[in-house]
Amino acid sequence: MPPRRRTDPTEGRAAVGRVLAAEAPAATDLKVATRFLLEELAARAPGRTVEVRVPPYGAVQAVEGPRHTRGTPPNVVETDARTWVALATGGLSWADAVAAAQVSASGERSDLTPYLPLLRPPGA
């Protein structure tokens, strides 16, 4: 069963577009865009092997494989909202984000390269 969406996809895509177009995006747009892109990851890579956290906006579990049931999952990715939007839209590569310490990734399955980008901005 696919994960339940809390963010309307039309609103989510619009928020992503506004975030990408703005030098300093509105906090509400950043929140909606981040949550939408987290939900998109969970929909495209269903599973419970990797927990992707973007505080304070949200977290999802994704990627098929061994499931954890208690405590901190063995595969965790954490980043800020601007970095997450850039990764999810192809504006930043996974390798560059990790090398620049913009992403904290632990666990052998935490590399999200096969799943990114999730969305390409118009004209990209």
PDB file of N, CA and C in Angstrom:
ATOM      1  N   MET A   1       0.839  -1.175   0.000  1.00  0.00           N
ATOM      2  CA  MET A   1       0.000   0.000   0.000  1.00  0.00           C
ATOM      3  C   MET A   1       0.890   1.247   0.000  1.00  0.00           C
ATOM      4  N   PRO A   2       0.671   2.173  -0.935  1.00  0.00           N
ATOM      5  CA  PRO A   2       1.520   3.367  -0.985  1.00  0.00           C
ATOM      6  C   PRO A   2       1.291   4.261   0.227  1.00  0.00           C
ATOM      7  N   PRO A   3       2.308   5.030   0.595  1.00  0.00           N
ATOM      8  CA  PRO A   3       2.152   5.914   1.744  1.00  0.00           C
ATOM      9  C   PRO A   3       1.082   6.969   1.483  1.00  0.00           C
ATOM     10  N   ARG A   4       0.443   7.377   2.532  1.00  0.00           N
ATOM     11  CA  ARG A   4      -0.593   8.399   2.432  1.00  0.00           C
ATOM     12  C   ARG A   4       0.042   9.769   2.213  1.00  0.00           C
ATOM     13  N   ARG A   5      -0.489  10.503   1.255  1.00  0.00           N
ATOM     14  CA  ARG A   5       0.000  11.858   0.990  1.00  0.00           C
ATOM     15  C   ARG A   5      -0.760  12.844   1.859  1.00  0.00           C
ATOM     16  N   ARG A   6      -0.004  13.729   2.459  1.00  0.00           N
ATOM     17  CA  ARG A   6      -0.609  14.798   3.242  1.00  0.00           C
ATOM     18  C   ARG A   6      -0.593  16.113   2.474  1.00  0.00           C
ATOM     19  N   THR A   7       0.272  16.180   1.485  1.00  0.00           N
ATOM     20  CA  THR A   7       0.428  17.390   0.698  1.00  0.00           C
ATOM     21  C   THR A   7      -0.190  17.169  -0.679  1.00  0.00           C
ATOM     22  N   ASP A   8      -1.065  18.061  -1.081  1.00  0.00           N
ATOM     23  CA  ASP A   8      -1.647  17.981  -2.416  1.00  0.00           C
ATOM     24  C   ASP A   8      -0.514  18.133  -3.439  1.00  0.00           C
ATOM     25  N   PRO A   9      -0.394  17.191  -4.378  1.00  0.00           N
ATOM     26  CA  PRO A   9       0.710  17.258  -5.339  1.00  0.00           C
ATOM     27  C   PRO A   9       0.755  18.561  -6.147  1.00  0.00           C
ATOM     28  N   THR A  10      -0.390  19.112  -6.489  1.00  0.00           N
ATOM     29  CA  THR A  10      -0.403  20.373  -7.237  1.00  0.00           C
ATOM     30  C   THR A  10       0.173  21.499  -6.391  1.00  0.00           C
ATOM     31  N   GLU A  11      -0.241  21.555  -5.132  1.00  0.00           N
ATOM     32  CA  GLU A  11       0.292  22.574  -4.219  1.00  0.00           C
ATOM     33  C   GLU A  11       1.778  22.343  -3.969  1.00  0.00           C
ATOM     34  N   GLY A  12       2.170  21.082  -3.841  1.00  0.00           N
ATOM     35  CA  GLY A  12       3.574  20.753  -3.606  1.00  0.00           C
ATOM     36  C   GLY A  12       4.465  21.181  -4.753  1.00  0.00           C
ATOM     37  N   ARG A  13       4.054  20.855  -5.983  1.00  0.00           N
ATOM     38  CA  ARG A  13       4.851  21.259  -7.151  1.00  0.00           C
ATOM     39  C   ARG A  13       4.947  22.777  -7.266  1.00  0.00           C
ATOM     40  N   ALA A  14       3.836  23.467  -6.979  1.00  0.00           N
ATOM     41  CA  ALA A  14       3.846  24.935  -7.037  1.00  0.00           C
ATOM     42  C   ALA A  14       4.805  25.504  -5.994  1.00  0.00           C
ATOM     43  N   ALA A  15       4.794  24.926  -4.799  1.00  0.00           N
ATOM     44  CA  ALA A  15       5.698  25.395  -3.742  1.00  0.00           C
ATOM     45  C   ALA A  15       7.151  25.145  -4.126  1.00  0.00           C
ATOM     46  N   VAL A  16       7.421  23.999  -4.733  1.00  0.00           N
ATOM     47  CA  VAL A  16       8.792  23.707  -5.189  1.00  0.00           C
ATOM     48  C   VAL A  16       9.229  24.765  -6.194  1.00  0.00           C
ATOM     49  N   GLY A  17       8.373  25.090  -7.139  1.00  0.00           N
ATOM     50  CA  GLY A  17       8.701  26.110  -8.131  1.00  0.00           C
ATOM     51  C   GLY A  17       9.002  27.461  -7.504  1.00  0.00           C
ATOM     52  N   ARG A  18       8.205  27.844  -6.506  1.00  0.00           N
ATOM     53  CA  ARG A  18       8.433  29.124  -5.823  1.00  0.00           C
ATOM     54  C   ARG A  18       9.735  29.101  -5.027  1.00  0.00           C
ATOM     55  N   VAL A  19      10.042  27.991  -4.390  1.00  0.00           N
ATOM     56  CA  VAL A  19      11.295  27.881  -3.628  1.00  0.00           C
ATOM     57  C   VAL A  19      12.495  28.000  -4.566  1.00  0.00           C
ATOM     58  N   LEU A  20      12.423  27.323  -5.692  1.00  0.00           N
ATOM     59  CA  LEU A  20      13.540  27.359  -6.639  1.00  0.00           C
ATOM     60  C   LEU A  20      13.718  28.742  -7.260  1.00  0.00           C
ATOM     61  N   ALA A  21      12.637  29.478  -7.392  1.00  0.00           N
ATOM     62  CA  ALA A  21      12.698  30.795  -8.034  1.00  0.00           C
ATOM     63  C   ALA A  21      13.106  31.917  -7.077  1.00  0.00           C
ATOM     64  N   ALA A  22      13.011  31.668  -5.781  1.00  0.00           N
ATOM     65  CA  ALA A  22      13.243  32.729  -4.799  1.00  0.00           C
ATOM     66  C   ALA A  22      14.647  32.667  -4.213  1.00  0.00           C
ATOM     67  N   GLU A  23      15.227  33.825  -4.012  1.00  0.00           N
ATOM     68  CA  GLU A  23      16.521  33.921  -3.318  1.00  0.00           C
ATOM     69  C   GLU A  23      16.345  33.525  -1.846  1.00  0.00           C
ATOM     70  N   ALA A  24      15.270  34.021  -1.246  1.00  0.00           N
ATOM     71  CA  ALA A  24      14.924  33.695   0.139  1.00  0.00           C
ATOM     72  C   ALA A  24      13.448  33.285   0.151  1.00  0.00           C
ATOM     73  N   PRO A  25      13.170  31.995  -0.032  1.00  0.00           N
ATOM     74  CA  PRO A  25      11.773  31.553  -0.125  1.00  0.00           C
ATOM     75  C   PRO A  25      11.002  31.760   1.174  1.00  0.00           C
ATOM     76  N   ALA A  26       9.715  31.918   1.032  1.00  0.00           N
ATOM     77  CA  ALA A  26       8.838  32.035   2.194  1.00  0.00           C
ATOM     78  C   ALA A  26       8.893  30.730   2.984  1.00  0.00           C
ATOM     79  N   ALA A  27       8.816  30.851   4.288  1.00  0.00           N
ATOM     80  CA  ALA A  27       8.892  29.668   5.158  1.00  0.00           C
ATOM     81  C   ALA A  27       7.780  28.676   4.834  1.00  0.00           C
ATOM     82  N   THR A  28       6.592  29.166   4.520  1.00  0.00           N
ATOM     83  CA  THR A  28       5.493  28.244   4.206  1.00  0.00           C
ATOM     84  C   THR A  28       5.764  27.488   2.911  1.00  0.00           C
ATOM     85  N   ASP A  29       6.351  28.162   1.910  1.00  0.00           N
ATOM     86  CA  ASP A  29       6.689  27.471   0.669  1.00  0.00           C
ATOM     87  C   ASP A  29       7.764  26.415   0.908  1.00  0.00           C
ATOM     88  N   LEU A  30       8.754  26.743   1.707  1.00  0.00           N
ATOM     89  CA  LEU A  30       9.822  25.793   2.002  1.00  0.00           C
ATOM     90  C   LEU A  30       9.271  24.571   2.736  1.00  0.00           C
ATOM     91  N   LYS A  31       8.366  24.796   3.650  1.00  0.00           N
ATOM     92  CA  LYS A  31       7.739  23.707   4.404  1.00  0.00           C
ATOM     93  C   LYS A  31       6.932  22.789   3.483  1.00  0.00           C
ATOM     94  N   VAL A  32       6.082  23.375   2.657  1.00  0.00           N
ATOM     95  CA  VAL A  32       5.246  22.583   1.752  1.00  0.00           C
ATOM     96  C   VAL A  32       6.105  21.841   0.736  1.00  0.00           C
ATOM     97  N   ALA A  33       7.092  22.523   0.151  1.00  0.00           N
ATOM     98  CA  ALA A  33       7.970  21.892  -0.833  1.00  0.00           C
ATOM     99  C   ALA A  33       8.734  20.724  -0.214  1.00  0.00           C
ATOM    100  N   THR A  34       9.258  20.926   0.973  1.00  0.00           N
ATOM    101  CA  THR A  34      10.026  19.878   1.653  1.00  0.00           C
ATOM    102  C   THR A  34       9.158  18.665   1.932  1.00  0.00           C
ATOM    103  N   ARG A  35       7.995  18.899   2.498  1.00  0.00           N
ATOM    104  CA  ARG A  35       7.105  17.771   2.809  1.00  0.00           C
ATOM    105  C   ARG A  35       6.657  17.043   1.550  1.00  0.00           C
ATOM    106  N   PHE A  36       6.323  17.808   0.511  1.00  0.00           N
ATOM    107  CA  PHE A  36       5.912  17.193  -0.753  1.00  0.00           C
ATOM    108  C   PHE A  36       7.030  16.300  -1.300  1.00  0.00           C
ATOM    109  N   LEU A  37       8.253  16.794  -1.304  1.00  0.00           N
ATOM    110  CA  LEU A  37       9.369  16.020  -1.858  1.00  0.00           C
ATOM    111  C   LEU A  37       9.712  14.808  -0.985  1.00  0.00           C
ATOM    112  N   LEU A  38       9.546  14.907   0.314  1.00  0.00           N
ATOM    113  CA  LEU A  38       9.719  13.730   1.173  1.00  0.00           C
ATOM    114  C   LEU A  38       8.656  12.677   0.853  1.00  0.00           C
ATOM    115  N   GLU A  39       7.417  13.120   0.696  1.00  0.00           N
ATOM    116  CA  GLU A  39       6.335  12.200   0.349  1.00  0.00           C
ATOM    117  C   GLU A  39       6.568  11.569  -1.023  1.00  0.00           C
ATOM    118  N   GLU A  40       7.115  12.347  -1.947  1.00  0.00           N
ATOM    119  CA  GLU A  40       7.415  11.839  -3.281  1.00  0.00           C
ATOM    120  C   GLU A  40       8.479  10.748  -3.206  1.00  0.00           C
ATOM    121  N   LEU A  41       9.497  10.938  -2.373  1.00  0.00           N
ATOM    122  CA  LEU A  41      10.514   9.907  -2.187  1.00  0.00           C
ATOM    123  C   LEU A  41       9.875   8.633  -1.642  1.00  0.00           C
ATOM    124  N   ALA A  42       9.042   8.762  -0.628  1.00  0.00           N
ATOM    125  CA  ALA A  42       8.400   7.585  -0.034  1.00  0.00           C
ATOM    126  C   ALA A  42       7.497   6.870  -1.032  1.00  0.00           C
ATOM    127  N   ALA A  43       6.867   7.619  -1.935  1.00  0.00           N
ATOM    128  CA  ALA A  43       5.994   7.017  -2.944  1.00  0.00           C
ATOM    129  C   ALA A  43       6.812   6.292  -4.019  1.00  0.00           C
ATOM    130  N   ARG A  44       7.949   6.857  -4.397  1.00  0.00           N
ATOM    131  CA  ARG A  44       8.755   6.273  -5.475  1.00  0.00           C
ATOM    132  C   ARG A  44       9.701   5.182  -4.993  1.00  0.00           C
ATOM    133  N   ALA A  45      10.071   5.231  -3.731  1.00  0.00           N
ATOM    134  CA  ALA A  45      10.978   4.224  -3.167  1.00  0.00           C
ATOM    135  C   ALA A  45      10.364   3.696  -1.876  1.00  0.00           C
ATOM    136  N   PRO A  46       9.242   2.978  -2.001  1.00  0.00           N
ATOM    137  CA  PRO A  46       8.562   2.517  -0.786  1.00  0.00           C
ATOM    138  C   PRO A  46       9.415   1.535   0.006  1.00  0.00           C
ATOM    139  N   GLY A  47       9.268   1.601   1.289  1.00  0.00           N
ATOM    140  CA  GLY A  47       9.990   0.711   2.185  1.00  0.00           C
ATOM    141  C   GLY A  47      10.227   1.386   3.514  1.00  0.00           C
ATOM    142  N   ARG A  48      10.980   0.720   4.365  1.00  0.00           N
ATOM    143  CA  ARG A  48      11.250   1.258   5.704  1.00  0.00           C
ATOM    144  C   ARG A  48      12.703   1.051   6.119  1.00  0.00           C
ATOM    145  N   THR A  49      13.601   1.042   5.141  1.00  0.00           N
ATOM    146  CA  THR A  49      14.999   0.784   5.438  1.00  0.00           C
ATOM    147  C   THR A  49      15.776   2.050   5.766  1.00  0.00           C
ATOM    148  N   VAL A  50      15.425   3.165   5.136  1.00  0.00           N
ATOM    149  CA  VAL A  50      16.143   4.421   5.322  1.00  0.00           C
ATOM    150  C   VAL A  50      15.175   5.471   5.859  1.00  0.00           C
ATOM    151  N   GLU A  51      15.589   6.155   6.898  1.00  0.00           N
ATOM    152  CA  GLU A  51      14.796   7.274   7.402  1.00  0.00           C
ATOM    153  C   GLU A  51      15.446   8.558   6.908  1.00  0.00           C
ATOM    154  N   VAL A  52      14.682   9.378   6.206  1.00  0.00           N
ATOM    155  CA  VAL A  52      15.166  10.651   5.690  1.00  0.00           C
ATOM    156  C   VAL A  52      14.527  11.746   6.532  1.00  0.00           C
ATOM    157  N   ARG A  53      15.376  12.537   7.169  1.00  0.00           N
ATOM    158  CA  ARG A  53      14.915  13.581   8.093  1.00  0.00           C
ATOM    159  C   ARG A  53      15.303  14.959   7.564  1.00  0.00           C
ATOM    160  N   VAL A  54      14.336  15.862   7.564  1.00  0.00           N
ATOM    161  CA  VAL A  54      14.577  17.251   7.191  1.00  0.00           C
ATOM    162  C   VAL A  54      13.930  18.121   8.273  1.00  0.00           C
ATOM    163  N   PRO A  55      14.636  18.289   9.399  1.00  0.00           N
ATOM    164  CA  PRO A  55      14.061  19.061  10.486  1.00  0.00           C
ATOM    165  C   PRO A  55      13.947  20.537  10.121  1.00  0.00           C
ATOM    166  N   PRO A  56      12.947  21.217  10.574  1.00  0.00           N
ATOM    167  CA  PRO A  56      11.849  20.749  11.413  1.00  0.00           C
ATOM    168  C   PRO A  56      10.626  20.319  10.615  1.00  0.00           C
ATOM    169  N   TYR A  57      10.774  20.127   9.311  1.00  0.00           N
ATOM    170  CA  TYR A  57       9.611  19.952   8.452  1.00  0.00           C
ATOM    171  C   TYR A  57       9.077  18.537   8.328  1.00  0.00           C
ATOM    172  N   GLY A  58       9.910  17.544   8.457  1.00  0.00           N
ATOM    173  CA  GLY A  58       9.377  16.203   8.333  1.00  0.00           C
ATOM    174  C   GLY A  58      10.430  15.132   8.220  1.00  0.00           C
ATOM    175  N   ALA A  59       9.933  13.904   8.187  1.00  0.00           N
ATOM    176  CA  ALA A  59      10.782  12.722   8.028  1.00  0.00           C
ATOM    177  C   ALA A  59       9.925  11.632   7.405  1.00  0.00           C
ATOM    178  N   VAL A  60      10.553  10.806   6.588  1.00  0.00           N
ATOM    179  CA  VAL A  60       9.860   9.658   6.011  1.00  0.00           C
ATOM    180  C   VAL A  60      10.783   8.460   6.065  1.00  0.00           C
ATOM    181  N   GLN A  61      10.159   7.302   5.994  1.00  0.00           N
ATOM    182  CA  GLN A  61      10.915   6.070   5.835  1.00  0.00           C
ATOM    183  C   GLN A  61      10.685   5.596   4.413  1.00  0.00           C
ATOM    184  N   ALA A  62      11.751   5.172   3.775  1.00  0.00           N
ATOM    185  CA  ALA A  62      11.684   4.769   2.371  1.00  0.00           C
ATOM    186  C   ALA A  62      12.705   3.680   2.093  1.00  0.00           C
ATOM    187  N   VAL A  63      12.726   3.193   0.901  1.00  0.00           N
ATOM    188  CA  VAL A  63      13.676   2.228   0.340  1.00  0.00           C
ATOM    189  C   VAL A  63      13.409   0.813   0.879  1.00  0.00           C
ATOM    190  N   GLU A  64      13.250  -0.091  -0.064  1.00  0.00           N
ATOM    191  CA  GLU A  64      13.035  -1.494   0.277  1.00  0.00           C
ATOM    192  C   GLU A  64      14.252  -2.091   0.952  1.00  0.00           C
ATOM    193  N   GLY A  65      14.002  -3.069   1.784  1.00  0.00           N
ATOM    194  CA  GLY A  65      15.088  -3.782   2.445  1.00  0.00           C
ATOM    195  C   GLY A  65      14.703  -4.143   3.854  1.00  0.00           C
ATOM    196  N   PRO A  66      15.671  -4.514   4.660  1.00  0.00           N
ATOM    197  CA  PRO A  66      15.382  -4.887   6.047  1.00  0.00           C
ATOM    198  C   PRO A  66      14.712  -3.736   6.778  1.00  0.00           C
ATOM    199  N   ARG A  67      13.711  -4.086   7.530  1.00  0.00           N
ATOM    200  CA  ARG A  67      12.927  -3.083   8.255  1.00  0.00           C
ATOM    201  C   ARG A  67      13.365  -3.031   9.707  1.00  0.00           C
ATOM    202  N   HIS A  68      13.460  -1.811  10.227  1.00  0.00           N
ATOM    203  CA  HIS A  68      13.753  -1.682  11.656  1.00  0.00           C
ATOM    204  C   HIS A  68      12.431  -1.458  12.370  1.00  0.00           C
ATOM    205  N   THR A  69      12.368  -1.867  13.634  1.00  0.00           N
ATOM    206  CA  THR A  69      11.109  -1.728  14.361  1.00  0.00           C
ATOM    207  C   THR A  69      11.231  -0.901  15.637  1.00  0.00           C
ATOM    208  N   ARG A  70      12.425  -0.744  16.157  1.00  0.00           N
ATOM    209  CA  ARG A  70      12.571  -0.005  17.418  1.00  0.00           C
ATOM    210  C   ARG A  70      13.821   0.852  17.383  1.00  0.00           C
ATOM    211  N   GLY A  71      13.726   2.001  18.017  1.00  0.00           N
ATOM    212  CA  GLY A  71      14.893   2.857  18.150  1.00  0.00           C
ATOM    213  C   GLY A  71      15.291   3.544  16.852  1.00  0.00           C
ATOM    214  N   THR A  72      16.499   4.029  16.833  1.00  0.00           N
ATOM    215  CA  THR A  72      17.024   4.727  15.668  1.00  0.00           C
ATOM    216  C   THR A  72      17.289   3.729  14.550  1.00  0.00           C
ATOM    217  N   PRO A  73      16.801   4.017  13.347  1.00  0.00           N
ATOM    218  CA  PRO A  73      17.043   3.092  12.246  1.00  0.00           C
ATOM    219  C   PRO A  73      18.520   3.025  11.887  1.00  0.00           C
ATOM    220  N   PRO A  74      18.961   1.914  11.297  1.00  0.00           N
ATOM    221  CA  PRO A  74      20.384   1.767  10.960  1.00  0.00           C
ATOM    222  C   PRO A  74      20.820   2.644   9.785  1.00  0.00           C
ATOM    223  N   ASN A  75      19.877   3.126   8.992  1.00  0.00           N
ATOM    224  CA  ASN A  75      20.189   3.953   7.830  1.00  0.00           C
ATOM    225  C   ASN A  75      19.435   5.270   7.966  1.00  0.00           C
ATOM    226  N   VAL A  76      20.176   6.340   8.199  1.00  0.00           N
ATOM    227  CA  VAL A  76      19.555   7.649   8.436  1.00  0.00           C
ATOM    228  C   VAL A  76      20.214   8.691   7.546  1.00  0.00           C
ATOM    229  N   VAL A  77      19.384   9.512   6.943  1.00  0.00           N
ATOM    230  CA  VAL A  77      19.833  10.653   6.157  1.00  0.00           C
ATOM    231  C   VAL A  77      19.225  11.885   6.793  1.00  0.00           C
ATOM    232  N   GLU A  78      20.036  12.907   7.019  1.00  0.00           N
ATOM    233  CA  GLU A  78      19.515  14.149   7.585  1.00  0.00           C
ATOM    234  C   GLU A  78      20.138  15.331   6.859  1.00  0.00           C
ATOM    235  N   THR A  79      19.302  16.306   6.549  1.00  0.00           N
ATOM    236  CA  THR A  79      19.764  17.507   5.883  1.00  0.00           C
ATOM    237  C   THR A  79      18.805  18.647   6.176  1.00  0.00           C
ATOM    238  N   ASP A  80      19.161  19.836   5.723  1.00  0.00           N
ATOM    239  CA  ASP A  80      18.278  20.991   5.882  1.00  0.00           C
ATOM    240  C   ASP A  80      17.338  21.072   4.675  1.00  0.00           C
ATOM    241  N   ALA A  81      16.320  21.910   4.797  1.00  0.00           N
ATOM    242  CA  ALA A  81      15.282  21.994   3.775  1.00  0.00           C
ATOM    243  C   ALA A  81      15.809  22.482   2.427  1.00  0.00           C
ATOM    244  N   ARG A  82      16.628  23.515   2.412  1.00  0.00           N
ATOM    245  CA  ARG A  82      17.144  24.033   1.128  1.00  0.00           C
ATOM    246  C   ARG A  82      17.980  22.976   0.412  1.00  0.00           C
ATOM    247  N   THR A  83      18.795  22.257   1.150  1.00  0.00           N
ATOM    248  CA  THR A  83      19.603  21.198   0.545  1.00  0.00           C
ATOM    249  C   THR A  83      18.710  20.082   0.023  1.00  0.00           C
ATOM    250  N   TRP A  84      17.697  19.708   0.787  1.00  0.00           N
ATOM    251  CA  TRP A  84      16.782  18.649   0.350  1.00  0.00           C
ATOM    252  C   TRP A  84      16.086  19.029  -0.958  1.00  0.00           C
ATOM    253  N   VAL A  85      15.602  20.251  -1.050  1.00  0.00           N
ATOM    254  CA  VAL A  85      14.941  20.694  -2.289  1.00  0.00           C
ATOM    255  C   VAL A  85      15.929  20.652  -3.454  1.00  0.00           C
ATOM    256  N   ALA A  86      17.149  21.106  -3.219  1.00  0.00           N
ATOM    257  CA  ALA A  86      18.163  21.083  -4.280  1.00  0.00           C
ATOM    258  C   ALA A  86      18.478  19.649  -4.712  1.00  0.00           C
ATOM    259  N   LEU A  87      18.619  18.739  -3.765  1.00  0.00           N
ATOM    260  CA  LEU A  87      18.877  17.332  -4.094  1.00  0.00           C
ATOM    261  C   LEU A  87      17.706  16.732  -4.861  1.00  0.00           C
ATOM    262  N   ALA A  88      16.514  16.975  -4.384  1.00  0.00           N
ATOM    263  CA  ALA A  88      15.318  16.354  -4.955  1.00  0.00           C
ATOM    264  C   ALA A  88      14.959  16.899  -6.325  1.00  0.00           C
ATOM    265  N   THR A  89      15.492  18.063  -6.677  1.00  0.00           N
ATOM    266  CA  THR A  89      15.177  18.656  -7.977  1.00  0.00           C
ATOM    267  C   THR A  89      16.374  18.652  -8.930  1.00  0.00           C
ATOM    268  N   GLY A  90      17.459  18.040  -8.545  1.00  0.00           N
ATOM    269  CA  GLY A  90      18.614  17.929  -9.420  1.00  0.00           C
ATOM    270  C   GLY A  90      19.540  19.134  -9.416  1.00  0.00           C
ATOM    271  N   GLY A  91      19.324  20.066  -8.519  1.00  0.00           N
ATOM    272  CA  GLY A  91      20.198  21.230  -8.437  1.00  0.00           C
ATOM    273  C   GLY A  91      21.488  20.964  -7.701  1.00  0.00           C
ATOM    274  N   LEU A  92      21.570  19.824  -7.033  1.00  0.00           N
ATOM    275  CA  LEU A  92      22.741  19.440  -6.251  1.00  0.00           C
ATOM    276  C   LEU A  92      22.854  17.928  -6.316  1.00  0.00           C
ATOM    277  N   SER A  93      24.044  17.433  -6.556  1.00  0.00           N
ATOM    278  CA  SER A  93      24.226  15.976  -6.598  1.00  0.00           C
ATOM    279  C   SER A  93      24.426  15.439  -5.184  1.00  0.00           C
ATOM    280  N   TRP A  94      24.098  14.189  -5.021  1.00  0.00           N
ATOM    281  CA  TRP A  94      24.282  13.522  -3.728  1.00  0.00           C
ATOM    282  C   TRP A  94      25.749  13.567  -3.311  1.00  0.00           C
ATOM    283  N   ALA A  95      26.632  13.237  -4.225  1.00  0.00           N
ATOM    284  CA  ALA A  95      28.063  13.207  -3.910  1.00  0.00           C
ATOM    285  C   ALA A  95      28.566  14.578  -3.475  1.00  0.00           C
ATOM    286  N   ASP A  96      28.144  15.626  -4.157  1.00  0.00           N
ATOM    287  CA  ASP A  96      28.578  16.974  -3.791  1.00  0.00           C
ATOM    288  C   ASP A  96      28.025  17.377  -2.427  1.00  0.00           C
ATOM    289  N   ALA A  97      26.779  17.033  -2.154  1.00  0.00           N
ATOM    290  CA  ALA A  97      26.169  17.377  -0.866  1.00  0.00           C
ATOM    291  C   ALA A  97      26.871  16.659   0.284  1.00  0.00           C
ATOM    292  N   VAL A  98      27.189  15.403   0.097  1.00  0.00           N
ATOM    293  CA  VAL A  98      27.888  14.636   1.134  1.00  0.00           C
ATOM    294  C   VAL A  98      29.298  15.196   1.327  1.00  0.00           C
ATOM    295  N   ALA A  99      29.994  15.461   0.221  1.00  0.00           N
ATOM    296  CA  ALA A  99      31.363  15.984   0.305  1.00  0.00           C
ATOM    297  C   ALA A  99      31.412  17.338   1.001  1.00  0.00           C
ATOM    298  N   ALA A 100      30.375  18.145   0.830  1.00  0.00           N
ATOM    299  CA  ALA A 100      30.325  19.466   1.450  1.00  0.00           C
ATOM    300  C   ALA A 100      29.692  19.434   2.843  1.00  0.00           C
ATOM    301  N   ALA A 101      29.425  18.237   3.347  1.00  0.00           N
ATOM    302  CA  ALA A 101      28.808  18.048   4.667  1.00  0.00           C
ATOM    303  C   ALA A 101      27.443  18.737   4.772  1.00  0.00           C
ATOM    304  N   GLN A 102      26.743  18.800   3.655  1.00  0.00           N
ATOM    305  CA  GLN A 102      25.382  19.338   3.664  1.00  0.00           C
ATOM    306  C   GLN A 102      24.371  18.243   3.980  1.00  0.00           C
ATOM    307  N   VAL A 103      24.827  17.003   3.938  1.00  0.00           N
ATOM    308  CA  VAL A 103      24.007  15.840   4.228  1.00  0.00           C
ATOM    309  C   VAL A 103      24.763  14.971   5.207  1.00  0.00           C
ATOM    310  N   SER A 104      24.051  14.494   6.208  1.00  0.00           N
ATOM    311  CA  SER A 104      24.599  13.490   7.109  1.00  0.00           C
ATOM    312  C   SER A 104      23.938  12.177   6.724  1.00  0.00           C
ATOM    313  N   ALA A 105      24.727  11.187   6.342  1.00  0.00           N
ATOM    314  CA  ALA A 105      24.183   9.903   5.909  1.00  0.00           C
ATOM    315  C   ALA A 105      24.928   8.782   6.611  1.00  0.00           C
ATOM    316  N   SER A 106      24.194   7.947   7.322  1.00  0.00           N
ATOM    317  CA  SER A 106      24.816   6.823   8.004  1.00  0.00           C
ATOM    318  C   SER A 106      24.106   5.538   7.615  1.00  0.00           C
ATOM    319  N   GLY A 107      24.859   4.487   7.542  1.00  0.00           N
ATOM    320  CA  GLY A 107      24.304   3.191   7.188  1.00  0.00           C
ATOM    321  C   GLY A 107      24.616   2.829   5.752  1.00  0.00           C
ATOM    322  N   GLU A 108      24.717   1.536   5.483  1.00  0.00           N
ATOM    323  CA  GLU A 108      25.131   1.075   4.163  1.00  0.00           C
ATOM    324  C   GLU A 108      24.091   1.311   3.075  1.00  0.00           C
ATOM    325  N   ARG A 109      22.850   1.576   3.421  1.00  0.00           N
ATOM    326  CA  ARG A 109      21.813   1.819   2.419  1.00  0.00           C
ATOM    327  C   ARG A 109      21.385   3.288   2.349  1.00  0.00           C
ATOM    328  N   SER A 110      22.149   4.167   2.956  1.00  0.00           N
ATOM    329  CA  SER A 110      21.724   5.564   3.054  1.00  0.00           C
ATOM    330  C   SER A 110      22.006   6.407   1.813  1.00  0.00           C
ATOM    331  N   ASP A 111      22.705   5.876   0.830  1.00  0.00           N
ATOM    332  CA  ASP A 111      22.982   6.630  -0.392  1.00  0.00           C
ATOM    333  C   ASP A 111      21.710   6.710  -1.233  1.00  0.00           C
ATOM    334  N   LEU A 112      21.186   7.919  -1.421  1.00  0.00           N
ATOM    335  CA  LEU A 112      19.931   8.112  -2.153  1.00  0.00           C
ATOM    336  C   LEU A 112      20.141   8.391  -3.640  1.00  0.00           C
ATOM    337  N   THR A 113      21.354   8.259  -4.124  1.00  0.00           N
ATOM    338  CA  THR A 113      21.647   8.542  -5.531  1.00  0.00           C
ATOM    339  C   THR A 113      20.685   7.859  -6.506  1.00  0.00           C
ATOM    340  N   PRO A 114      20.339   6.582  -6.309  1.00  0.00           N
ATOM    341  CA  PRO A 114      19.450   5.937  -7.286  1.00  0.00           C
ATOM    342  C   PRO A 114      18.043   6.545  -7.343  1.00  0.00           C
ATOM    343  N   TYR A 115      17.660   7.305  -6.346  1.00  0.00           N
ATOM    344  CA  TYR A 115      16.290   7.822  -6.260  1.00  0.00           C
ATOM    345  C   TYR A 115      16.169   9.315  -6.589  1.00  0.00           C
ATOM    346  N   LEU A 116      17.312   9.960  -6.765  1.00  0.00           N
ATOM    347  CA  LEU A 116      17.303  11.406  -6.985  1.00  0.00           C
ATOM    348  C   LEU A 116      17.785  11.732  -8.398  1.00  0.00           C
ATOM    349  N   PRO A 117      17.305  12.777  -9.013  1.00  0.00           N
ATOM    350  CA  PRO A 117      16.288  13.700  -8.523  1.00  0.00           C
ATOM    351  C   PRO A 117      14.888  13.113  -8.644  1.00  0.00           C
ATOM    352  N   LEU A 118      13.991  13.666  -7.865  1.00  0.00           N
ATOM    353  CA  LEU A 118      12.600  13.250  -7.861  1.00  0.00           C
ATOM    354  C   LEU A 118      11.769  14.057  -8.849  1.00  0.00           C
ATOM    355  N   LEU A 119      12.197  15.276  -9.071  1.00  0.00           N
ATOM    356  CA  LEU A 119      11.414  16.210  -9.866  1.00  0.00           C
ATOM    357  C   LEU A 119      12.379  17.143 -10.577  1.00  0.00           C
ATOM    358  N   ARG A 120      12.159  17.355 -11.823  1.00  0.00           N
ATOM    359  CA  ARG A 120      12.986  18.315 -12.565  1.00  0.00           C
ATOM    360  C   ARG A 120      12.173  19.588 -12.751  1.00  0.00           C
ATOM    361  N   PRO A 121      12.780  20.741 -12.454  1.00  0.00           N
ATOM    362  CA  PRO A 121      12.062  21.988 -12.670  1.00  0.00           C
ATOM    363  C   PRO A 121      11.821  22.210 -14.164  1.00  0.00           C
ATOM    364  N   PRO A 122      10.764  22.950 -14.514  1.00  0.00           N
ATOM    365  CA  PRO A 122      10.509  23.223 -15.926  1.00  0.00           C
ATOM    366  C   PRO A 122      11.727  23.883 -16.570  1.00  0.00           C
ATOM    367  N   GLY A 123      12.062  23.442 -17.758  1.00  0.00           N
ATOM    368  CA  GLY A 123      13.181  24.017 -18.485  1.00  0.00           C
ATOM    369  C   GLY A 123      14.522  23.414 -18.118  1.00  0.00           C
ATOM    370  N   ALA A 124      14.530  22.450 -17.204  1.00  0.00           N
ATOM    371  CA  ALA A 124      15.813  21.847 -16.782  1.00  0.00           C
ATOM    372  C   ALA A 124      16.174  20.687 -17.673  1.00  0.00           C
TER     373      ALA A 124
END
